[in-house]
Amino acid sequence: MSAPTSEAAKAYWKENLRLMFMLLVIWFVVSFGFGVLFVEQLNAIQFFGFPLGFWFAQQGAIYVFVLEIFFYVWKMNQLDRKYDVDEQ
């Protein structure tokens, strides 16, 4: 593991922030958008016997958040290797 240069550190942080922002937007859309704003429209659709809007509000947002955690870890491992800051 070598110490990153100032430019590499800035690029690494910029990519990290872009990834976090993208994941937070997805989580916001799923949790607030699907669970609150569009709940009436989604409730017209049944999912495992429950209205889809209710499912997103109660469980869907949590599932998406957990999946995003695993995705973030996977992408950050790739980013660490790209900028040679991974732990081996």
N, C-alpha and C. Protein backbone atom coordinates (compact mmCIF):
# COMPACT_ATOMS: atom_id res chain seq x y z
N MET A 1 0.85 -1.17 0.00
CA MET A 1 0.00 0.00 0.00
C MET A 1 0.89 1.23 0.00
N SER A 2 0.70 2.07 -0.97
CA SER A 2 1.48 3.30 -1.04
C SER A 2 0.60 4.48 -0.69
N ALA A 3 1.24 5.54 -0.22
CA ALA A 3 0.49 6.75 0.15
C ALA A 3 0.02 7.44 -1.13
N PRO A 4 -1.27 7.77 -1.22
CA PRO A 4 -1.77 8.41 -2.42
C PRO A 4 -1.30 9.86 -2.52
N THR A 5 -1.11 10.32 -3.73
CA THR A 5 -0.75 11.71 -3.94
C THR A 5 -1.96 12.59 -3.64
N SER A 6 -1.73 13.88 -3.58
CA SER A 6 -2.82 14.80 -3.28
C SER A 6 -3.90 14.73 -4.35
N GLU A 7 -3.50 14.68 -5.61
CA GLU A 7 -4.48 14.60 -6.70
C GLU A 7 -5.23 13.28 -6.67
N ALA A 8 -4.53 12.19 -6.40
CA ALA A 8 -5.18 10.88 -6.32
C ALA A 8 -6.14 10.83 -5.14
N ALA A 9 -5.75 11.44 -4.03
CA ALA A 9 -6.63 11.46 -2.85
C ALA A 9 -7.89 12.26 -3.15
N LYS A 10 -7.76 13.36 -3.86
CA LYS A 10 -8.94 14.16 -4.22
C LYS A 10 -9.85 13.40 -5.16
N ALA A 11 -9.26 12.71 -6.14
CA ALA A 11 -10.05 11.93 -7.09
C ALA A 11 -10.76 10.78 -6.37
N TYR A 12 -10.06 10.13 -5.45
CA TYR A 12 -10.64 9.03 -4.67
C TYR A 12 -11.84 9.53 -3.87
N TRP A 13 -11.66 10.65 -3.18
CA TRP A 13 -12.73 11.21 -2.36
C TRP A 13 -13.91 11.65 -3.22
N LYS A 14 -13.61 12.23 -4.40
CA LYS A 14 -14.68 12.66 -5.30
C LYS A 14 -15.52 11.48 -5.77
N GLU A 15 -14.87 10.37 -6.14
CA GLU A 15 -15.61 9.18 -6.56
C GLU A 15 -16.40 8.59 -5.41
N ASN A 16 -15.82 8.61 -4.21
CA ASN A 16 -16.51 8.11 -3.02
C ASN A 16 -17.76 8.94 -2.76
N LEU A 17 -17.64 10.26 -2.82
CA LEU A 17 -18.80 11.12 -2.59
C LEU A 17 -19.87 10.93 -3.65
N ARG A 18 -19.47 10.75 -4.90
CA ARG A 18 -20.43 10.52 -5.98
C ARG A 18 -21.20 9.23 -5.73
N LEU A 19 -20.50 8.18 -5.32
CA LEU A 19 -21.14 6.91 -5.03
C LEU A 19 -22.12 7.04 -3.85
N MET A 20 -21.68 7.70 -2.78
CA MET A 20 -22.56 7.88 -1.63
C MET A 20 -23.79 8.69 -1.98
N PHE A 21 -23.61 9.76 -2.76
CA PHE A 21 -24.74 10.60 -3.16
C PHE A 21 -25.74 9.79 -3.99
N MET A 22 -25.24 9.00 -4.93
CA MET A 22 -26.10 8.18 -5.77
C MET A 22 -26.91 7.20 -4.91
N LEU A 23 -26.25 6.55 -3.97
CA LEU A 23 -26.94 5.57 -3.12
C LEU A 23 -27.95 6.25 -2.19
N LEU A 24 -27.62 7.43 -1.70
CA LEU A 24 -28.57 8.15 -0.84
C LEU A 24 -29.79 8.62 -1.62
N VAL A 25 -29.60 9.02 -2.85
CA VAL A 25 -30.74 9.41 -3.69
C VAL A 25 -31.66 8.21 -3.93
N ILE A 26 -31.07 7.06 -4.25
CA ILE A 26 -31.87 5.85 -4.45
C ILE A 26 -32.64 5.51 -3.19
N TRP A 27 -31.95 5.56 -2.05
CA TRP A 27 -32.62 5.23 -0.78
C TRP A 27 -33.73 6.22 -0.48
N PHE A 28 -33.51 7.51 -0.75
CA PHE A 28 -34.54 8.52 -0.51
C PHE A 28 -35.76 8.26 -1.39
N VAL A 29 -35.53 7.98 -2.67
CA VAL A 29 -36.64 7.72 -3.59
C VAL A 29 -37.44 6.50 -3.14
N VAL A 30 -36.73 5.45 -2.74
CA VAL A 30 -37.43 4.24 -2.31
C VAL A 30 -38.15 4.45 -0.99
N SER A 31 -37.48 5.03 -0.01
CA SER A 31 -38.11 5.15 1.31
C SER A 31 -39.14 6.25 1.37
N PHE A 32 -38.81 7.45 0.93
CA PHE A 32 -39.74 8.57 1.03
C PHE A 32 -40.69 8.61 -0.17
N GLY A 33 -40.12 8.42 -1.36
CA GLY A 33 -40.94 8.48 -2.57
C GLY A 33 -41.95 7.36 -2.63
N PHE A 34 -41.46 6.11 -2.59
CA PHE A 34 -42.36 4.96 -2.70
C PHE A 34 -43.17 4.72 -1.43
N GLY A 35 -42.59 5.02 -0.27
CA GLY A 35 -43.27 4.75 0.99
C GLY A 35 -44.20 5.84 1.46
N VAL A 36 -44.05 7.07 0.94
CA VAL A 36 -44.87 8.18 1.41
C VAL A 36 -45.55 8.92 0.25
N LEU A 37 -44.77 9.43 -0.70
CA LEU A 37 -45.33 10.28 -1.74
C LEU A 37 -46.20 9.52 -2.74
N PHE A 38 -45.76 8.36 -3.17
CA PHE A 38 -46.48 7.61 -4.20
C PHE A 38 -47.20 6.38 -3.63
N VAL A 39 -47.46 6.40 -2.34
CA VAL A 39 -48.04 5.23 -1.69
C VAL A 39 -49.43 4.90 -2.23
N GLU A 40 -50.24 5.91 -2.51
CA GLU A 40 -51.60 5.66 -3.00
C GLU A 40 -51.58 4.98 -4.37
N GLN A 41 -50.71 5.44 -5.27
CA GLN A 41 -50.62 4.83 -6.59
C GLN A 41 -50.07 3.41 -6.50
N LEU A 42 -49.07 3.21 -5.64
CA LEU A 42 -48.46 1.89 -5.50
C LEU A 42 -49.37 0.90 -4.80
N ASN A 43 -50.27 1.39 -3.97
CA ASN A 43 -51.18 0.49 -3.26
C ASN A 43 -52.17 -0.19 -4.20
N ALA A 44 -52.30 0.30 -5.42
CA ALA A 44 -53.16 -0.36 -6.40
C ALA A 44 -52.55 -1.67 -6.88
N ILE A 45 -51.26 -1.87 -6.61
CA ILE A 45 -50.54 -3.08 -7.01
C ILE A 45 -50.36 -3.97 -5.79
N GLN A 46 -50.67 -5.25 -5.93
CA GLN A 46 -50.50 -6.20 -4.83
C GLN A 46 -49.13 -6.87 -4.95
N PHE A 47 -48.46 -7.04 -3.81
CA PHE A 47 -47.15 -7.71 -3.75
C PHE A 47 -47.19 -8.69 -2.60
N PHE A 48 -47.19 -9.99 -2.90
CA PHE A 48 -47.32 -11.05 -1.90
C PHE A 48 -48.55 -10.84 -1.01
N GLY A 49 -49.62 -10.37 -1.61
CA GLY A 49 -50.87 -10.18 -0.89
C GLY A 49 -50.98 -8.87 -0.14
N PHE A 50 -49.98 -8.00 -0.24
CA PHE A 50 -50.01 -6.71 0.44
C PHE A 50 -49.94 -5.60 -0.60
N PRO A 51 -50.54 -4.45 -0.30
CA PRO A 51 -50.40 -3.30 -1.20
C PRO A 51 -48.93 -2.92 -1.32
N LEU A 52 -48.46 -2.64 -2.54
CA LEU A 52 -47.04 -2.38 -2.78
C LEU A 52 -46.54 -1.16 -2.02
N GLY A 53 -47.34 -0.12 -1.92
CA GLY A 53 -46.93 1.07 -1.15
C GLY A 53 -46.71 0.75 0.31
N PHE A 54 -47.59 -0.04 0.89
CA PHE A 54 -47.43 -0.48 2.27
C PHE A 54 -46.17 -1.31 2.43
N TRP A 55 -45.92 -2.21 1.46
CA TRP A 55 -44.73 -3.06 1.53
C TRP A 55 -43.46 -2.23 1.50
N PHE A 56 -43.39 -1.24 0.60
CA PHE A 56 -42.20 -0.38 0.55
C PHE A 56 -42.03 0.39 1.85
N ALA A 57 -43.11 0.89 2.41
CA ALA A 57 -43.01 1.66 3.65
C ALA A 57 -42.56 0.80 4.82
N GLN A 58 -43.00 -0.46 4.85
CA GLN A 58 -42.70 -1.32 5.99
C GLN A 58 -41.43 -2.14 5.83
N GLN A 59 -41.16 -2.65 4.62
CA GLN A 59 -40.03 -3.56 4.45
C GLN A 59 -39.13 -3.20 3.29
N GLY A 60 -39.68 -2.72 2.21
CA GLY A 60 -38.93 -2.50 0.99
C GLY A 60 -37.75 -1.55 1.16
N ALA A 61 -37.97 -0.46 1.87
CA ALA A 61 -36.89 0.51 2.08
C ALA A 61 -35.75 -0.11 2.89
N ILE A 62 -36.07 -0.95 3.83
CA ILE A 62 -35.04 -1.61 4.63
C ILE A 62 -34.24 -2.58 3.77
N TYR A 63 -34.93 -3.35 2.93
CA TYR A 63 -34.23 -4.29 2.04
C TYR A 63 -33.32 -3.54 1.07
N VAL A 64 -33.81 -2.45 0.52
CA VAL A 64 -32.99 -1.65 -0.40
C VAL A 64 -31.77 -1.11 0.33
N PHE A 65 -31.94 -0.63 1.55
CA PHE A 65 -30.83 -0.09 2.32
C PHE A 65 -29.77 -1.17 2.59
N VAL A 66 -30.18 -2.36 2.95
CA VAL A 66 -29.24 -3.44 3.21
C VAL A 66 -28.50 -3.82 1.93
N LEU A 67 -29.23 -3.91 0.81
CA LEU A 67 -28.58 -4.19 -0.47
C LEU A 67 -27.59 -3.10 -0.85
N GLU A 68 -27.94 -1.85 -0.55
CA GLU A 68 -27.03 -0.75 -0.84
C GLU A 68 -25.75 -0.83 -0.01
N ILE A 69 -25.84 -1.32 1.20
CA ILE A 69 -24.65 -1.49 2.03
C ILE A 69 -23.68 -2.47 1.37
N PHE A 70 -24.21 -3.61 0.94
CA PHE A 70 -23.36 -4.60 0.27
C PHE A 70 -22.79 -4.05 -1.03
N PHE A 71 -23.60 -3.32 -1.79
CA PHE A 71 -23.13 -2.72 -3.03
C PHE A 71 -22.03 -1.69 -2.75
N TYR A 72 -22.20 -0.89 -1.71
CA TYR A 72 -21.21 0.12 -1.35
C TYR A 72 -19.88 -0.54 -0.98
N VAL A 73 -19.92 -1.59 -0.21
CA VAL A 73 -18.70 -2.31 0.18
C VAL A 73 -18.00 -2.86 -1.06
N TRP A 74 -18.75 -3.46 -1.97
CA TRP A 74 -18.19 -4.02 -3.20
C TRP A 74 -17.54 -2.92 -4.05
N LYS A 75 -18.26 -1.81 -4.24
CA LYS A 75 -17.73 -0.72 -5.06
C LYS A 75 -16.53 -0.04 -4.38
N MET A 76 -16.54 0.09 -3.08
CA MET A 76 -15.41 0.73 -2.39
C MET A 76 -14.17 -0.17 -2.45
N ASN A 77 -14.35 -1.48 -2.40
CA ASN A 77 -13.21 -2.37 -2.58
C ASN A 77 -12.59 -2.18 -3.96
N GLN A 78 -13.44 -2.04 -4.98
CA GLN A 78 -12.93 -1.77 -6.32
C GLN A 78 -12.21 -0.42 -6.37
N LEU A 79 -12.79 0.58 -5.73
CA LEU A 79 -12.20 1.92 -5.72
C LEU A 79 -10.87 1.92 -4.97
N ASP A 80 -10.80 1.19 -3.87
CA ASP A 80 -9.55 1.08 -3.11
C ASP A 80 -8.44 0.47 -3.96
N ARG A 81 -8.79 -0.59 -4.70
CA ARG A 81 -7.78 -1.20 -5.58
C ARG A 81 -7.38 -0.26 -6.70
N LYS A 82 -8.33 0.48 -7.24
CA LYS A 82 -8.05 1.41 -8.32
C LYS A 82 -7.04 2.48 -7.90
N TYR A 83 -7.17 2.98 -6.67
CA TYR A 83 -6.28 4.03 -6.17
C TYR A 83 -5.16 3.49 -5.29
N ASP A 84 -5.01 2.18 -5.25
CA ASP A 84 -3.94 1.51 -4.52
C ASP A 84 -3.92 1.88 -3.04
N VAL A 85 -5.11 1.89 -2.44
CA VAL A 85 -5.21 2.13 -1.00
C VAL A 85 -5.90 0.96 -0.30
N ASP A 86 -5.95 -0.18 -0.99
CA ASP A 86 -6.61 -1.34 -0.40
C ASP A 86 -5.73 -2.00 0.66
N GLU A 87 -6.41 -2.69 1.55
CA GLU A 87 -5.71 -3.41 2.63
C GLU A 87 -5.61 -4.87 2.22
N GLN A 88 -4.39 -5.38 2.17
CA GLN A 88 -4.21 -6.77 1.79
C GLN A 88 -3.53 -7.55 2.87
